[in-house]
Amino acid sequence: MKIPKYYHIGIPKTGTTTLQYVLKNDDRINLIFSKKYFNSNRYFTFPTYPYFEEGKLNIVSDETISKNNNNTNSIYTFLDRLQRHEPNAIIFLTIREQVDLLKSRYKHAIANDDETNSFTEWLVSKKYINYIDMIMYSNLYKVICAYFPKKNIKILVYEKLKSDFFEYISDLYGILGIEPPVLNQKIIKNKSLSDEEIYEKLLQNIENSNKIQSIEIKKETFLEWDWDKSFWRKLLNEIKTSNDCFIKQSGIDKQLLRKFNYNFH
């Protein structure tokens, strides 16, 4: 069975849309996204991989692989079946400094999901608490290492996409083993609204929902961590511990991550 060799395991808000846009517009590439196979029942109902395209570099890009929502859609199922069919698969991860990622996802929820909670209430809600699992990169890396050697696991840093777009694209295509396309300008998809616009949208959401807020969400603090709550101190400590482990596991340049304000002990 012919299957893709390259797999992008994205985490939401790590530049996935921009990465997919660049790859999708490259005629040499067949980009496969939002189509599950190994971690879905298609694995049993389709005898051959249904999305492979001959003559092109086939790449799977999927943000949902890192979400462990249920047994049939788990990263363990995906990696186990992939390893059996393509033991030489190349996995590349996109990461982003965790605090910035959480704030970005919260703003996305306000703008698109009509969220009415404060930042803390949003994060600990049943719907979004899985983001805490996803930002512990050392755990994700450890799971992938159980199935594939470290040389097959590549890391792309979101902040590099923002600070040096063309070098980031060069790094991406270096993983794929082909020359990058000629791009005339920097491309950033899914640009978010300003903090001021997001705050106004939050107030509008609250008003539209007729929700009575027990604590007023103030403009100057609506995106800040509530350090009066031990939850935040504990979470930041776990992020630091995870990042310390991630450096040791992956060998990624710690100074690069420090440059982009990743937290360490």
C-alpha atoms as a PDB file:
ATOM      1  CA  MET A   1       0.000   0.000   0.000  1.00  0.00           C
ATOM      2  CA  LYS A   2       1.402   3.390  -1.032  1.00  0.00           C
ATOM      3  CA  ILE A   3       1.112   5.983   1.711  1.00  0.00           C
ATOM      4  CA  PRO A   4       2.691   9.409   2.347  1.00  0.00           C
ATOM      5  CA  LYS A   5       6.131   9.574   3.946  1.00  0.00           C
ATOM      6  CA  TYR A   6       5.746  13.031   5.522  1.00  0.00           C
ATOM      7  CA  TYR A   7       3.377  13.864   8.378  1.00  0.00           C
ATOM      8  CA  HIS A   8       2.868  17.262   9.961  1.00  0.00           C
ATOM      9  CA  ILE A   9       1.449  16.971  13.465  1.00  0.00           C
ATOM     10  CA  GLY A  10       0.283  20.487  14.142  1.00  0.00           C
ATOM     11  CA  ILE A  11      -1.002  22.083  17.284  1.00  0.00           C
ATOM     12  CA  PRO A  12      -3.664  24.770  16.749  1.00  0.00           C
ATOM     13  CA  LYS A  13      -2.269  28.320  16.602  1.00  0.00           C
ATOM     14  CA  THR A  14       1.248  27.243  15.584  1.00  0.00           C
ATOM     15  CA  GLY A  15       1.090  28.568  12.016  1.00  0.00           C
ATOM     16  CA  THR A  16      -0.619  25.513  10.533  1.00  0.00           C
ATOM     17  CA  THR A  17      -2.818  27.492   8.133  1.00  0.00           C
ATOM     18  CA  THR A  18       0.162  29.388   6.703  1.00  0.00           C
ATOM     19  CA  LEU A  19       2.195  26.192   6.344  1.00  0.00           C
ATOM     20  CA  GLN A  20      -0.707  24.448   4.616  1.00  0.00           C
ATOM     21  CA  TYR A  21      -1.263  27.418   2.297  1.00  0.00           C
ATOM     22  CA  VAL A  22       2.356  27.340   1.084  1.00  0.00           C
ATOM     23  CA  LEU A  23       2.356  23.569   0.569  1.00  0.00           C
ATOM     24  CA  LYS A  24      -1.081  23.508  -1.066  1.00  0.00           C
ATOM     25  CA  ASN A  25       0.017  26.036  -3.672  1.00  0.00           C
ATOM     26  CA  ASP A  26       3.118  24.056  -4.639  1.00  0.00           C
ATOM     27  CA  ASP A  27       2.358  22.001  -7.763  1.00  0.00           C
ATOM     28  CA  ARG A  28       4.919  19.387  -6.736  1.00  0.00           C
ATOM     29  CA  ILE A  29       2.994  18.539  -3.561  1.00  0.00           C
ATOM     30  CA  ASN A  30      -0.222  16.671  -2.815  1.00  0.00           C
ATOM     31  CA  LEU A  31      -1.262  18.085   0.544  1.00  0.00           C
ATOM     32  CA  ILE A  32      -3.652  15.877   2.493  1.00  0.00           C
ATOM     33  CA  PHE A  33      -5.404  17.557   5.406  1.00  0.00           C
ATOM     34  CA  SER A  34      -8.583  17.029   7.429  1.00  0.00           C
ATOM     35  CA  LYS A  35      -8.811  13.516   5.987  1.00  0.00           C
ATOM     36  CA  LYS A  36      -8.123  10.836   8.567  1.00  0.00           C
ATOM     37  CA  TYR A  37      -7.067   7.333   7.669  1.00  0.00           C
ATOM     38  CA  PHE A  38      -4.865   5.556  10.204  1.00  0.00           C
ATOM     39  CA  ASN A  39      -6.801   6.909  13.195  1.00  0.00           C
ATOM     40  CA  SER A  40     -10.273   6.350  11.761  1.00  0.00           C
ATOM     41  CA  ASN A  41     -12.478   3.494  10.600  1.00  0.00           C
ATOM     42  CA  ARG A  42     -11.385   4.195   7.017  1.00  0.00           C
ATOM     43  CA  TYR A  43      -8.368   2.069   7.929  1.00  0.00           C
ATOM     44  CA  PHE A  44     -10.668  -0.969   7.920  1.00  0.00           C
ATOM     45  CA  THR A  45     -13.081  -0.005   5.151  1.00  0.00           C
ATOM     46  CA  PHE A  46     -10.531   1.149   2.534  1.00  0.00           C
ATOM     47  CA  PRO A  47      -8.071  -1.604   1.545  1.00  0.00           C
ATOM     48  CA  THR A  48      -5.650   0.978   0.081  1.00  0.00           C
ATOM     49  CA  TYR A  49      -4.763   4.522   1.130  1.00  0.00           C
ATOM     50  CA  PRO A  50      -7.357   6.626  -0.755  1.00  0.00           C
ATOM     51  CA  TYR A  51      -5.583  10.003  -0.922  1.00  0.00           C
ATOM     52  CA  PHE A  52      -2.196   9.129  -2.428  1.00  0.00           C
ATOM     53  CA  GLU A  53      -1.323  10.881  -5.701  1.00  0.00           C
ATOM     54  CA  GLU A  54       1.332   9.410  -7.978  1.00  0.00           C
ATOM     55  CA  GLY A  55       4.089  11.690  -9.212  1.00  0.00           C
ATOM     56  CA  LYS A  56       3.827  14.145  -6.319  1.00  0.00           C
ATOM     57  CA  LEU A  57       5.281  14.507  -2.849  1.00  0.00           C
ATOM     58  CA  ASN A  58       2.441  13.386  -0.596  1.00  0.00           C
ATOM     59  CA  ILE A  59       2.232  15.165   2.759  1.00  0.00           C
ATOM     60  CA  VAL A  60      -0.338  14.803   5.534  1.00  0.00           C
ATOM     61  CA  SER A  61      -0.982  17.896   7.668  1.00  0.00           C
ATOM     62  CA  ASP A  62      -3.461  17.586  10.506  1.00  0.00           C
ATOM     63  CA  GLU A  63      -3.953  19.574  13.717  1.00  0.00           C
ATOM     64  CA  THR A  64      -6.327  17.023  15.219  1.00  0.00           C
ATOM     65  CA  ILE A  65      -3.780  14.194  15.487  1.00  0.00           C
ATOM     66  CA  SER A  66      -2.397  15.707  18.690  1.00  0.00           C
ATOM     67  CA  LYS A  67      -5.840  15.707  20.297  1.00  0.00           C
ATOM     68  CA  ASN A  68      -6.501  12.526  22.258  1.00  0.00           C
ATOM     69  CA  ASN A  69     -10.292  12.729  22.251  1.00  0.00           C
ATOM     70  CA  ASN A  70     -11.168   9.046  22.083  1.00  0.00           C
ATOM     71  CA  ASN A  71      -9.602   5.673  21.442  1.00  0.00           C
ATOM     72  CA  THR A  72     -10.329   5.550  17.701  1.00  0.00           C
ATOM     73  CA  ASN A  73      -8.963   9.044  17.158  1.00  0.00           C
ATOM     74  CA  SER A  74      -5.892   8.812  19.377  1.00  0.00           C
ATOM     75  CA  ILE A  75      -2.323   9.673  18.493  1.00  0.00           C
ATOM     76  CA  TYR A  76      -1.285   6.223  19.756  1.00  0.00           C
ATOM     77  CA  THR A  77      -3.517   4.499  17.205  1.00  0.00           C
ATOM     78  CA  PHE A  78      -2.261   6.783  14.457  1.00  0.00           C
ATOM     79  CA  LEU A  79       1.442   6.278  15.241  1.00  0.00           C
ATOM     80  CA  ASP A  80       1.168   2.529  15.757  1.00  0.00           C
ATOM     81  CA  ARG A  81      -0.535   1.891  12.422  1.00  0.00           C
ATOM     82  CA  LEU A  82       1.667   4.378  10.579  1.00  0.00           C
ATOM     83  CA  GLN A  83       4.839   2.750  11.939  1.00  0.00           C
ATOM     84  CA  ARG A  84       3.698  -0.670  10.739  1.00  0.00           C
ATOM     85  CA  HIS A  85       3.054   0.582   7.201  1.00  0.00           C
ATOM     86  CA  GLU A  86       5.840   3.208   6.907  1.00  0.00           C
ATOM     87  CA  PRO A  87       8.605   2.742   9.518  1.00  0.00           C
ATOM     88  CA  ASN A  88      10.683   5.448   7.787  1.00  0.00           C
ATOM     89  CA  ALA A  89       7.990   8.129   8.003  1.00  0.00           C
ATOM     90  CA  ILE A  90       9.164  11.669   8.750  1.00  0.00           C
ATOM     91  CA  ILE A  91       7.189  13.476  11.441  1.00  0.00           C
ATOM     92  CA  PHE A  92       7.455  17.231  11.803  1.00  0.00           C
ATOM     93  CA  LEU A  93       5.991  19.169  14.712  1.00  0.00           C
ATOM     94  CA  THR A  94       5.115  22.843  14.881  1.00  0.00           C
ATOM     95  CA  ILE A  95       5.431  24.417  18.323  1.00  0.00           C
ATOM     96  CA  ARG A  96       4.808  27.848  19.853  1.00  0.00           C
ATOM     97  CA  GLU A  97       5.632  29.425  23.210  1.00  0.00           C
ATOM     98  CA  GLN A  98       2.865  28.079  25.387  1.00  0.00           C
ATOM     99  CA  VAL A  99       1.590  31.213  27.120  1.00  0.00           C
ATOM    100  CA  ASP A 100       1.349  33.067  23.808  1.00  0.00           C
ATOM    101  CA  LEU A 101      -0.381  30.060  22.232  1.00  0.00           C
ATOM    102  CA  LEU A 102      -3.015  29.883  24.961  1.00  0.00           C
ATOM    103  CA  LYS A 103      -3.746  33.592  24.686  1.00  0.00           C
ATOM    104  CA  SER A 104      -4.030  33.330  20.901  1.00  0.00           C
ATOM    105  CA  ARG A 105      -6.449  30.414  21.152  1.00  0.00           C
ATOM    106  CA  TYR A 106      -8.526  32.279  23.741  1.00  0.00           C
ATOM    107  CA  LYS A 107      -8.786  35.282  21.412  1.00  0.00           C
ATOM    108  CA  HIS A 108      -9.768  32.933  18.593  1.00  0.00           C
ATOM    109  CA  ALA A 109     -12.565  31.546  20.775  1.00  0.00           C
ATOM    110  CA  ILE A 110     -13.860  35.048  21.500  1.00  0.00           C
ATOM    111  CA  ALA A 111     -13.800  36.022  17.825  1.00  0.00           C
ATOM    112  CA  ASN A 112     -15.211  32.793  16.383  1.00  0.00           C
ATOM    113  CA  ASP A 113     -17.010  30.840  19.115  1.00  0.00           C
ATOM    114  CA  ASP A 114     -18.716  33.770  20.909  1.00  0.00           C
ATOM    115  CA  GLU A 115     -16.835  32.947  24.124  1.00  0.00           C
ATOM    116  CA  THR A 116     -18.038  34.857  27.192  1.00  0.00           C
ATOM    117  CA  ASN A 117     -15.694  33.579  29.899  1.00  0.00           C
ATOM    118  CA  SER A 118     -12.552  35.107  31.342  1.00  0.00           C
ATOM    119  CA  PHE A 119      -9.208  33.687  30.233  1.00  0.00           C
ATOM    120  CA  THR A 120      -8.933  31.437  33.313  1.00  0.00           C
ATOM    121  CA  GLU A 121     -12.540  30.226  33.095  1.00  0.00           C
ATOM    122  CA  TRP A 122     -12.109  29.507  29.396  1.00  0.00           C
ATOM    123  CA  LEU A 123      -8.962  27.420  29.849  1.00  0.00           C
ATOM    124  CA  VAL A 124     -10.267  25.234  32.662  1.00  0.00           C
ATOM    125  CA  SER A 125     -13.593  24.631  30.929  1.00  0.00           C
ATOM    126  CA  LYS A 126     -14.370  21.108  29.776  1.00  0.00           C
ATOM    127  CA  LYS A 127     -14.314  22.194  26.138  1.00  0.00           C
ATOM    128  CA  TYR A 128     -10.809  23.693  26.113  1.00  0.00           C
ATOM    129  CA  ILE A 129      -8.806  22.102  28.920  1.00  0.00           C
ATOM    130  CA  ASN A 130      -7.288  19.647  26.425  1.00  0.00           C
ATOM    131  CA  TYR A 131      -5.053  22.525  25.309  1.00  0.00           C
ATOM    132  CA  ILE A 132      -3.101  22.067  28.532  1.00  0.00           C
ATOM    133  CA  ASP A 133      -2.229  18.539  27.400  1.00  0.00           C
ATOM    134  CA  MET A 134      -1.256  19.666  23.910  1.00  0.00           C
ATOM    135  CA  ILE A 135       1.214  22.337  25.051  1.00  0.00           C
ATOM    136  CA  MET A 136       3.302  19.865  27.054  1.00  0.00           C
ATOM    137  CA  TYR A 137       5.640  19.234  24.139  1.00  0.00           C
ATOM    138  CA  SER A 138       7.886  16.784  25.984  1.00  0.00           C
ATOM    139  CA  ASN A 139       4.962  14.373  26.399  1.00  0.00           C
ATOM    140  CA  LEU A 140       4.040  14.594  22.728  1.00  0.00           C
ATOM    141  CA  TYR A 141       7.674  14.093  21.697  1.00  0.00           C
ATOM    142  CA  LYS A 142       8.026  11.129  24.046  1.00  0.00           C
ATOM    143  CA  VAL A 143       4.998   9.422  22.520  1.00  0.00           C
ATOM    144  CA  ILE A 144       6.301   9.865  18.971  1.00  0.00           C
ATOM    145  CA  CYS A 145       9.737   8.574  20.020  1.00  0.00           C
ATOM    146  CA  ALA A 146       8.084   5.331  21.142  1.00  0.00           C
ATOM    147  CA  TYR A 147       7.358   4.609  17.467  1.00  0.00           C
ATOM    148  CA  PHE A 148       9.977   6.494  15.430  1.00  0.00           C
ATOM    149  CA  PRO A 149      13.688   7.299  15.886  1.00  0.00           C
ATOM    150  CA  LYS A 150      14.663  10.844  16.822  1.00  0.00           C
ATOM    151  CA  LYS A 151      16.278  11.438  13.421  1.00  0.00           C
ATOM    152  CA  ASN A 152      12.809  11.084  11.877  1.00  0.00           C
ATOM    153  CA  ILE A 153      11.254  13.746  14.128  1.00  0.00           C
ATOM    154  CA  LYS A 154      11.727  17.381  13.081  1.00  0.00           C
ATOM    155  CA  ILE A 155      10.765  20.553  14.948  1.00  0.00           C
ATOM    156  CA  LEU A 156       9.533  23.829  13.419  1.00  0.00           C
ATOM    157  CA  VAL A 157       9.244  26.872  15.683  1.00  0.00           C
ATOM    158  CA  TYR A 158       6.280  29.178  15.060  1.00  0.00           C
ATOM    159  CA  GLU A 159       8.149  32.288  16.209  1.00  0.00           C
ATOM    160  CA  LYS A 160      10.663  31.755  13.414  1.00  0.00           C
ATOM    161  CA  LEU A 161       7.772  31.887  10.948  1.00  0.00           C
ATOM    162  CA  LYS A 162       6.913  35.318  12.349  1.00  0.00           C
ATOM    163  CA  SER A 163      10.464  36.683  12.592  1.00  0.00           C
ATOM    164  CA  ASP A 164      12.062  35.201   9.455  1.00  0.00           C
ATOM    165  CA  PHE A 165       9.401  33.795   7.147  1.00  0.00           C
ATOM    166  CA  PHE A 166      11.717  32.856   4.278  1.00  0.00           C
ATOM    167  CA  GLU A 167      14.190  31.026   6.524  1.00  0.00           C
ATOM    168  CA  TYR A 168      11.276  29.141   8.087  1.00  0.00           C
ATOM    169  CA  ILE A 169      10.071  28.037   4.646  1.00  0.00           C
ATOM    170  CA  SER A 170      13.636  27.026   3.793  1.00  0.00           C
ATOM    171  CA  ASP A 171      13.732  24.901   6.973  1.00  0.00           C
ATOM    172  CA  LEU A 172      10.399  23.315   6.059  1.00  0.00           C
ATOM    173  CA  TYR A 173      11.510  22.382   2.569  1.00  0.00           C
ATOM    174  CA  GLY A 174      14.816  21.150   3.947  1.00  0.00           C
ATOM    175  CA  ILE A 175      12.794  18.547   5.861  1.00  0.00           C
ATOM    176  CA  LEU A 176      10.989  17.600   2.640  1.00  0.00           C
ATOM    177  CA  GLY A 177      14.235  17.348   0.691  1.00  0.00           C
ATOM    178  CA  ILE A 178      13.239  19.661  -2.171  1.00  0.00           C
ATOM    179  CA  GLU A 179      13.982  23.254  -3.107  1.00  0.00           C
ATOM    180  CA  PRO A 180      11.553  25.816  -1.701  1.00  0.00           C
ATOM    181  CA  PRO A 181       9.300  27.673  -4.148  1.00  0.00           C
ATOM    182  CA  VAL A 182      10.057  31.238  -5.147  1.00  0.00           C
ATOM    183  CA  LEU A 183       7.874  33.423  -2.935  1.00  0.00           C
ATOM    184  CA  ASN A 184       7.724  37.133  -3.641  1.00  0.00           C
ATOM    185  CA  GLN A 185       6.309  38.147  -0.287  1.00  0.00           C
ATOM    186  CA  LYS A 186       5.803  37.000   3.266  1.00  0.00           C
ATOM    187  CA  ILE A 187       2.560  35.075   3.761  1.00  0.00           C
ATOM    188  CA  ILE A 188       0.773  34.978   7.111  1.00  0.00           C
ATOM    189  CA  LYS A 189      -2.707  33.507   7.200  1.00  0.00           C
ATOM    190  CA  ASN A 190      -5.296  33.776   9.973  1.00  0.00           C
ATOM    191  CA  LYS A 191      -4.165  37.174  11.245  1.00  0.00           C
ATOM    192  CA  SER A 192      -5.964  37.860  14.509  1.00  0.00           C
ATOM    193  CA  LEU A 193      -7.780  40.992  15.560  1.00  0.00           C
ATOM    194  CA  SER A 194      -6.047  43.486  17.844  1.00  0.00           C
ATOM    195  CA  ASP A 195      -6.396  43.082  21.613  1.00  0.00           C
ATOM    196  CA  GLU A 196      -8.673  46.129  21.664  1.00  0.00           C
ATOM    197  CA  GLU A 197     -10.959  44.621  19.008  1.00  0.00           C
ATOM    198  CA  ILE A 198     -10.972  41.255  20.810  1.00  0.00           C
ATOM    199  CA  TYR A 199     -11.962  42.912  24.090  1.00  0.00           C
ATOM    200  CA  GLU A 200     -14.838  44.751  22.421  1.00  0.00           C
ATOM    201  CA  LYS A 201     -15.981  41.471  20.861  1.00  0.00           C
ATOM    202  CA  LEU A 202     -15.861  39.809  24.304  1.00  0.00           C
ATOM    203  CA  LEU A 203     -18.099  42.519  25.778  1.00  0.00           C
ATOM    204  CA  GLN A 204     -20.471  42.119  22.827  1.00  0.00           C
ATOM    205  CA  ASN A 205     -20.579  38.343  23.350  1.00  0.00           C
ATOM    206  CA  ILE A 206     -21.400  38.811  27.026  1.00  0.00           C
ATOM    207  CA  GLU A 207     -24.117  41.329  26.255  1.00  0.00           C
ATOM    208  CA  ASN A 208     -25.662  39.115  23.578  1.00  0.00           C
ATOM    209  CA  SER A 209     -25.704  36.112  25.890  1.00  0.00           C
ATOM    210  CA  ASN A 210     -27.244  38.050  28.796  1.00  0.00           C
ATOM    211  CA  LYS A 211     -24.678  36.337  30.988  1.00  0.00           C
ATOM    212  CA  ILE A 212     -24.297  37.750  34.474  1.00  0.00           C
ATOM    213  CA  GLN A 213     -20.595  37.996  35.265  1.00  0.00           C
ATOM    214  CA  SER A 214     -19.740  37.494  38.920  1.00  0.00           C
ATOM    215  CA  ILE A 215     -16.435  39.265  38.312  1.00  0.00           C
ATOM    216  CA  GLU A 216     -16.090  42.098  35.839  1.00  0.00           C
ATOM    217  CA  ILE A 217     -13.647  41.344  33.021  1.00  0.00           C
ATOM    218  CA  LYS A 218     -11.448  44.415  32.916  1.00  0.00           C
ATOM    219  CA  LYS A 219      -9.815  45.558  29.707  1.00  0.00           C
ATOM    220  CA  GLU A 220      -6.335  45.896  31.214  1.00  0.00           C
ATOM    221  CA  THR A 221      -6.357  42.375  32.627  1.00  0.00           C
ATOM    222  CA  PHE A 222      -8.593  40.293  30.359  1.00  0.00           C
ATOM    223  CA  LEU A 223      -5.600  38.533  28.765  1.00  0.00           C
ATOM    224  CA  GLU A 224      -3.426  38.307  31.865  1.00  0.00           C
ATOM    225  CA  TRP A 225      -2.886  35.326  34.088  1.00  0.00           C
ATOM    226  CA  ASP A 226      -4.559  35.527  37.481  1.00  0.00           C
ATOM    227  CA  TRP A 227      -1.591  34.983  39.788  1.00  0.00           C
ATOM    228  CA  ASP A 228      -3.916  34.956  42.805  1.00  0.00           C
ATOM    229  CA  LYS A 229      -4.996  31.533  41.651  1.00  0.00           C
ATOM    230  CA  SER A 230      -2.584  28.682  42.403  1.00  0.00           C
ATOM    231  CA  PHE A 231      -3.748  27.109  39.120  1.00  0.00           C
ATOM    232  CA  TRP A 232      -1.614  29.520  37.111  1.00  0.00           C
ATOM    233  CA  ARG A 233       1.507  29.051  39.209  1.00  0.00           C
ATOM    234  CA  LYS A 234       1.175  25.292  38.951  1.00  0.00           C
ATOM    235  CA  LEU A 235       0.573  25.433  35.196  1.00  0.00           C
ATOM    236  CA  LEU A 236       3.604  27.640  34.541  1.00  0.00           C
ATOM    237  CA  ASN A 237       5.765  25.293  36.603  1.00  0.00           C
ATOM    238  CA  GLU A 238       4.561  22.331  34.515  1.00  0.00           C
ATOM    239  CA  ILE A 239       5.298  24.231  31.307  1.00  0.00           C
ATOM    240  CA  LYS A 240       8.848  24.941  32.503  1.00  0.00           C
ATOM    241  CA  THR A 241       9.389  21.303  33.477  1.00  0.00           C
ATOM    242  CA  SER A 242       8.052  20.120  30.116  1.00  0.00           C
ATOM    243  CA  ASN A 243      10.309  22.509  28.218  1.00  0.00           C
ATOM    244  CA  ASP A 244      13.357  21.399  30.226  1.00  0.00           C
ATOM    245  CA  CYS A 245      12.605  17.797  29.267  1.00  0.00           C
ATOM    246  CA  PHE A 246      11.839  18.706  25.667  1.00  0.00           C
ATOM    247  CA  ILE A 247      15.277  20.276  25.247  1.00  0.00           C
ATOM    248  CA  LYS A 248      16.975  17.123  26.548  1.00  0.00           C
ATOM    249  CA  GLN A 249      14.822  14.832  24.419  1.00  0.00           C
ATOM    250  CA  SER A 250      14.917  16.634  21.096  1.00  0.00           C
ATOM    251  CA  GLY A 251      18.256  18.429  21.191  1.00  0.00           C
ATOM    252  CA  ILE A 252      16.626  21.608  19.894  1.00  0.00           C
ATOM    253  CA  ASP A 253      18.621  24.777  20.505  1.00  0.00           C
ATOM    254  CA  LYS A 254      17.664  26.081  23.950  1.00  0.00           C
ATOM    255  CA  GLN A 255      19.016  29.536  23.164  1.00  0.00           C
ATOM    256  CA  LEU A 256      16.699  29.740  20.164  1.00  0.00           C
ATOM    257  CA  LEU A 257      13.712  29.022  22.376  1.00  0.00           C
ATOM    258  CA  ARG A 258      14.939  31.437  25.040  1.00  0.00           C
ATOM    259  CA  LYS A 259      15.147  34.099  22.343  1.00  0.00           C
ATOM    260  CA  PHE A 260      11.440  33.595  21.771  1.00  0.00           C
ATOM    261  CA  ASN A 261      10.577  33.706  25.511  1.00  0.00           C
ATOM    262  CA  TYR A 262       9.937  30.004  26.126  1.00  0.00           C
ATOM    263  CA  ASN A 263       9.900  29.327  29.877  1.00  0.00           C
ATOM    264  CA  PHE A 264      12.506  27.169  31.629  1.00  0.00           C
ATOM    265  CA  HIS A 265      13.516  26.502  35.221  1.00  0.00           C
END
